[in-house]
Amino acid sequence: MTNKARDFAIKWHGDQMYGDKPYVYHLDQVADNVSAMGYVESAPEYITAYMHDLGEDTNCSYLEIKQAFGWKVATATETLAKCDEVPYDVYIKNIKKNRIARIVKIADTKANLKQSILDNDKNRIVKYAKQLMLLEE
């Protein structure tokens, strides 16, 4: 299943980049963080790690994700997609209501925080450190 999820995400992200690296670099980091939290490669949390940015960065639909990976992954992925109309605090509260989305967002935030530290980007370090605290409370 993991190769299927990874390949699916790579297809949809196309030539998108994460800094100077192909986007799959970031997806692999998030999946590695989910794995370090104790989730196996067949778990919805691990699969969602590869799906987590599809809702906001691609034209992939909820239905396509649901057909490929089931409603748990599709719903968590939809919950993780930021929407300009939804205030940040409501977005975070919604994520915290969905166990899979929360786990993946914590893993995503840790990956972004690590990259921000490597890039010495102080603004992003503060942003992701605060986000991590909100997600873990």
C-alpha atoms as a PDB file:
ATOM      1  CA  MET A   1       0.000   0.000   0.000  1.00  0.00           C
ATOM      2  CA  THR A   2       2.805   2.435   0.827  1.00  0.00           C
ATOM      3  CA  ASN A   3       4.316   2.383  -2.626  1.00  0.00           C
ATOM      4  CA  LYS A   4       0.819   2.941  -3.992  1.00  0.00           C
ATOM      5  CA  ALA A   5       0.290   5.952  -1.682  1.00  0.00           C
ATOM      6  CA  ARG A   6       3.727   7.385  -2.418  1.00  0.00           C
ATOM      7  CA  ASP A   7       3.318   6.892  -6.174  1.00  0.00           C
ATOM      8  CA  PHE A   8      -0.182   8.401  -6.057  1.00  0.00           C
ATOM      9  CA  ALA A   9       1.114  11.510  -4.273  1.00  0.00           C
ATOM     10  CA  ILE A  10       4.111  11.871  -6.592  1.00  0.00           C
ATOM     11  CA  LYS A  11       1.797  11.711  -9.597  1.00  0.00           C
ATOM     12  CA  TRP A  12      -0.441  14.454  -8.238  1.00  0.00           C
ATOM     13  CA  HIS A  13       2.316  16.725  -6.955  1.00  0.00           C
ATOM     14  CA  GLY A  14       4.047  16.468 -10.327  1.00  0.00           C
ATOM     15  CA  ASP A  15       7.030  18.782 -10.564  1.00  0.00           C
ATOM     16  CA  GLN A  16       6.275  20.706  -7.349  1.00  0.00           C
ATOM     17  CA  MET A  17       9.280  21.397  -5.185  1.00  0.00           C
ATOM     18  CA  TYR A  18       9.935  21.599  -1.451  1.00  0.00           C
ATOM     19  CA  GLY A  19      12.599  24.269  -1.438  1.00  0.00           C
ATOM     20  CA  ASP A  20      15.227  22.979  -3.829  1.00  0.00           C
ATOM     21  CA  LYS A  21      14.142  19.330  -3.545  1.00  0.00           C
ATOM     22  CA  PRO A  22      11.364  17.345  -5.250  1.00  0.00           C
ATOM     23  CA  TYR A  23       8.169  17.469  -3.174  1.00  0.00           C
ATOM     24  CA  VAL A  24       8.396  13.772  -2.325  1.00  0.00           C
ATOM     25  CA  TYR A  25      11.338  14.693  -0.061  1.00  0.00           C
ATOM     26  CA  HIS A  26       8.872  16.429   2.275  1.00  0.00           C
ATOM     27  CA  LEU A  27       6.290  13.650   1.985  1.00  0.00           C
ATOM     28  CA  ASP A  28       8.924  11.050   2.894  1.00  0.00           C
ATOM     29  CA  GLN A  29       9.916  13.141   5.929  1.00  0.00           C
ATOM     30  CA  VAL A  30       6.321  13.304   7.138  1.00  0.00           C
ATOM     31  CA  ALA A  31       5.853   9.563   6.578  1.00  0.00           C
ATOM     32  CA  ASP A  32       9.102   8.887   8.474  1.00  0.00           C
ATOM     33  CA  ASN A  33       7.825  11.007  11.379  1.00  0.00           C
ATOM     34  CA  VAL A  34       4.538   9.086  11.408  1.00  0.00           C
ATOM     35  CA  SER A  35       6.497   5.838  11.404  1.00  0.00           C
ATOM     36  CA  ALA A  36       8.604   7.083  14.334  1.00  0.00           C
ATOM     37  CA  MET A  37       5.315   7.662  16.199  1.00  0.00           C
ATOM     38  CA  GLY A  38       4.674   3.914  15.925  1.00  0.00           C
ATOM     39  CA  TYR A  39       2.447   3.597  12.855  1.00  0.00           C
ATOM     40  CA  VAL A  40       3.123   0.876  10.305  1.00  0.00           C
ATOM     41  CA  GLU A  41       3.182   1.481   6.560  1.00  0.00           C
ATOM     42  CA  SER A  42      -0.317   0.046   6.035  1.00  0.00           C
ATOM     43  CA  ALA A  43      -1.897   2.315   8.679  1.00  0.00           C
ATOM     44  CA  PRO A  44      -4.207   5.134   7.563  1.00  0.00           C
ATOM     45  CA  GLU A  45      -1.940   7.589   9.411  1.00  0.00           C
ATOM     46  CA  TYR A  46       1.061   6.550   7.321  1.00  0.00           C
ATOM     47  CA  ILE A  47      -0.878   6.630   4.049  1.00  0.00           C
ATOM     48  CA  THR A  48      -2.321  10.051   4.927  1.00  0.00           C
ATOM     49  CA  ALA A  49       1.225  11.329   5.406  1.00  0.00           C
ATOM     50  CA  TYR A  50       1.612  11.003   1.632  1.00  0.00           C
ATOM     51  CA  MET A  51      -1.830  12.480   0.943  1.00  0.00           C
ATOM     52  CA  HIS A  52      -1.688  15.382   3.414  1.00  0.00           C
ATOM     53  CA  ASP A  53      -0.992  18.237   0.975  1.00  0.00           C
ATOM     54  CA  LEU A  54      -3.067  17.006  -1.963  1.00  0.00           C
ATOM     55  CA  GLY A  55      -6.157  18.987  -0.941  1.00  0.00           C
ATOM     56  CA  GLU A  56      -4.424  22.339  -0.953  1.00  0.00           C
ATOM     57  CA  ASP A  57      -1.604  21.861  -3.466  1.00  0.00           C
ATOM     58  CA  THR A  58      -3.228  19.832  -6.272  1.00  0.00           C
ATOM     59  CA  ASN A  59      -6.514  19.280  -8.084  1.00  0.00           C
ATOM     60  CA  CYS A  60      -6.888  15.782  -6.626  1.00  0.00           C
ATOM     61  CA  SER A  61     -10.405  15.324  -5.275  1.00  0.00           C
ATOM     62  CA  TYR A  62     -11.706  13.820  -2.052  1.00  0.00           C
ATOM     63  CA  LEU A  63     -13.485  11.201  -4.168  1.00  0.00           C
ATOM     64  CA  GLU A  64     -10.270  10.116  -5.923  1.00  0.00           C
ATOM     65  CA  ILE A  65      -8.500   9.714  -2.579  1.00  0.00           C
ATOM     66  CA  LYS A  66     -11.508   7.870  -1.126  1.00  0.00           C
ATOM     67  CA  GLN A  67     -11.633   5.462  -4.072  1.00  0.00           C
ATOM     68  CA  ALA A  68      -7.906   4.741  -3.831  1.00  0.00           C
ATOM     69  CA  PHE A  69      -7.434   4.638  -0.032  1.00  0.00           C
ATOM     70  CA  GLY A  70     -10.805   4.716   1.727  1.00  0.00           C
ATOM     71  CA  TRP A  71     -12.881   7.252   3.576  1.00  0.00           C
ATOM     72  CA  LYS A  72     -10.635   7.536   6.684  1.00  0.00           C
ATOM     73  CA  VAL A  73      -7.660   8.699   4.606  1.00  0.00           C
ATOM     74  CA  ALA A  74      -9.839  10.900   2.385  1.00  0.00           C
ATOM     75  CA  THR A  75     -11.540  12.579   5.341  1.00  0.00           C
ATOM     76  CA  ALA A  76      -8.252  13.194   7.163  1.00  0.00           C
ATOM     77  CA  THR A  77      -6.740  14.614   3.973  1.00  0.00           C
ATOM     78  CA  GLU A  78      -9.728  16.900   3.486  1.00  0.00           C
ATOM     79  CA  THR A  79      -9.460  18.062   7.102  1.00  0.00           C
ATOM     80  CA  LEU A  80      -5.780  18.909   6.584  1.00  0.00           C
ATOM     81  CA  ALA A  81      -6.443  21.159   3.576  1.00  0.00           C
ATOM     82  CA  LYS A  82      -6.249  24.822   4.560  1.00  0.00           C
ATOM     83  CA  CYS A  83      -9.043  27.052   3.346  1.00  0.00           C
ATOM     84  CA  ASP A  84      -8.683  30.848   3.306  1.00  0.00           C
ATOM     85  CA  GLU A  85     -12.257  31.262   4.584  1.00  0.00           C
ATOM     86  CA  VAL A  86     -11.577  29.241   7.747  1.00  0.00           C
ATOM     87  CA  PRO A  87      -9.756  31.056  10.573  1.00  0.00           C
ATOM     88  CA  TYR A  88      -6.498  29.437  11.694  1.00  0.00           C
ATOM     89  CA  ASP A  89      -7.761  28.578  15.197  1.00  0.00           C
ATOM     90  CA  VAL A  90     -10.834  26.833  13.740  1.00  0.00           C
ATOM     91  CA  TYR A  91      -8.588  24.963  11.271  1.00  0.00           C
ATOM     92  CA  ILE A  92      -6.424  23.672  14.138  1.00  0.00           C
ATOM     93  CA  LYS A  93      -9.513  22.740  16.230  1.00  0.00           C
ATOM     94  CA  ASN A  94     -10.912  20.750  13.297  1.00  0.00           C
ATOM     95  CA  ILE A  95      -7.622  18.906  12.866  1.00  0.00           C
ATOM     96  CA  LYS A  96      -7.570  18.036  16.564  1.00  0.00           C
ATOM     97  CA  LYS A  97     -11.055  16.484  16.241  1.00  0.00           C
ATOM     98  CA  ASN A  98      -9.789  13.986  13.638  1.00  0.00           C
ATOM     99  CA  ARG A  99      -7.228  11.631  15.214  1.00  0.00           C
ATOM    100  CA  ILE A 100      -5.555  10.711  11.911  1.00  0.00           C
ATOM    101  CA  ALA A 101      -5.356  14.338  10.760  1.00  0.00           C
ATOM    102  CA  ARG A 102      -3.883  15.390  14.104  1.00  0.00           C
ATOM    103  CA  ILE A 103      -1.168  12.743  14.008  1.00  0.00           C
ATOM    104  CA  VAL A 104      -0.229  13.633  10.433  1.00  0.00           C
ATOM    105  CA  LYS A 105      -0.289  17.388  11.134  1.00  0.00           C
ATOM    106  CA  ILE A 106       2.059  16.881  14.080  1.00  0.00           C
ATOM    107  CA  ALA A 107       4.395  14.872  11.824  1.00  0.00           C
ATOM    108  CA  ASP A 108       4.114  17.529   9.087  1.00  0.00           C
ATOM    109  CA  THR A 109       4.782  20.352  11.539  1.00  0.00           C
ATOM    110  CA  LYS A 110       7.848  18.553  12.907  1.00  0.00           C
ATOM    111  CA  ALA A 111       9.181  18.111   9.356  1.00  0.00           C
ATOM    112  CA  ASN A 112       8.588  21.787   8.572  1.00  0.00           C
ATOM    113  CA  LEU A 113      10.149  22.857  11.875  1.00  0.00           C
ATOM    114  CA  LYS A 114      13.235  20.746  11.222  1.00  0.00           C
ATOM    115  CA  GLN A 115      13.613  22.225   7.733  1.00  0.00           C
ATOM    116  CA  SER A 116      13.132  25.744   9.116  1.00  0.00           C
ATOM    117  CA  ILE A 117      15.922  25.117  11.640  1.00  0.00           C
ATOM    118  CA  LEU A 118      18.197  23.811   8.862  1.00  0.00           C
ATOM    119  CA  ASP A 119      17.371  26.916   6.798  1.00  0.00           C
ATOM    120  CA  ASN A 120      17.837  29.167   9.856  1.00  0.00           C
ATOM    121  CA  ASP A 121      14.442  30.737   9.098  1.00  0.00           C
ATOM    122  CA  LYS A 122      13.561  32.281  12.463  1.00  0.00           C
ATOM    123  CA  ASN A 123      10.025  33.328  11.476  1.00  0.00           C
ATOM    124  CA  ARG A 124       9.123  29.818  10.356  1.00  0.00           C
ATOM    125  CA  ILE A 125      10.794  28.316  13.437  1.00  0.00           C
ATOM    126  CA  VAL A 126       8.520  30.412  15.677  1.00  0.00           C
ATOM    127  CA  LYS A 127       5.465  29.644  13.507  1.00  0.00           C
ATOM    128  CA  TYR A 128       5.956  25.876  13.546  1.00  0.00           C
ATOM    129  CA  ALA A 129       6.988  25.721  17.208  1.00  0.00           C
ATOM    130  CA  LYS A 130       3.731  27.487  18.160  1.00  0.00           C
ATOM    131  CA  GLN A 131       1.719  25.245  15.847  1.00  0.00           C
ATOM    132  CA  LEU A 132       3.273  22.135  17.365  1.00  0.00           C
ATOM    133  CA  MET A 133       2.372  23.323  20.871  1.00  0.00           C
ATOM    134  CA  LEU A 134      -1.258  23.902  19.802  1.00  0.00           C
ATOM    135  CA  LEU A 135      -1.492  20.463  18.210  1.00  0.00           C
ATOM    136  CA  GLU A 136       0.015  18.667  21.185  1.00  0.00           C
ATOM    137  CA  GLU A 137      -2.064  20.312  23.922  1.00  0.00           C
END
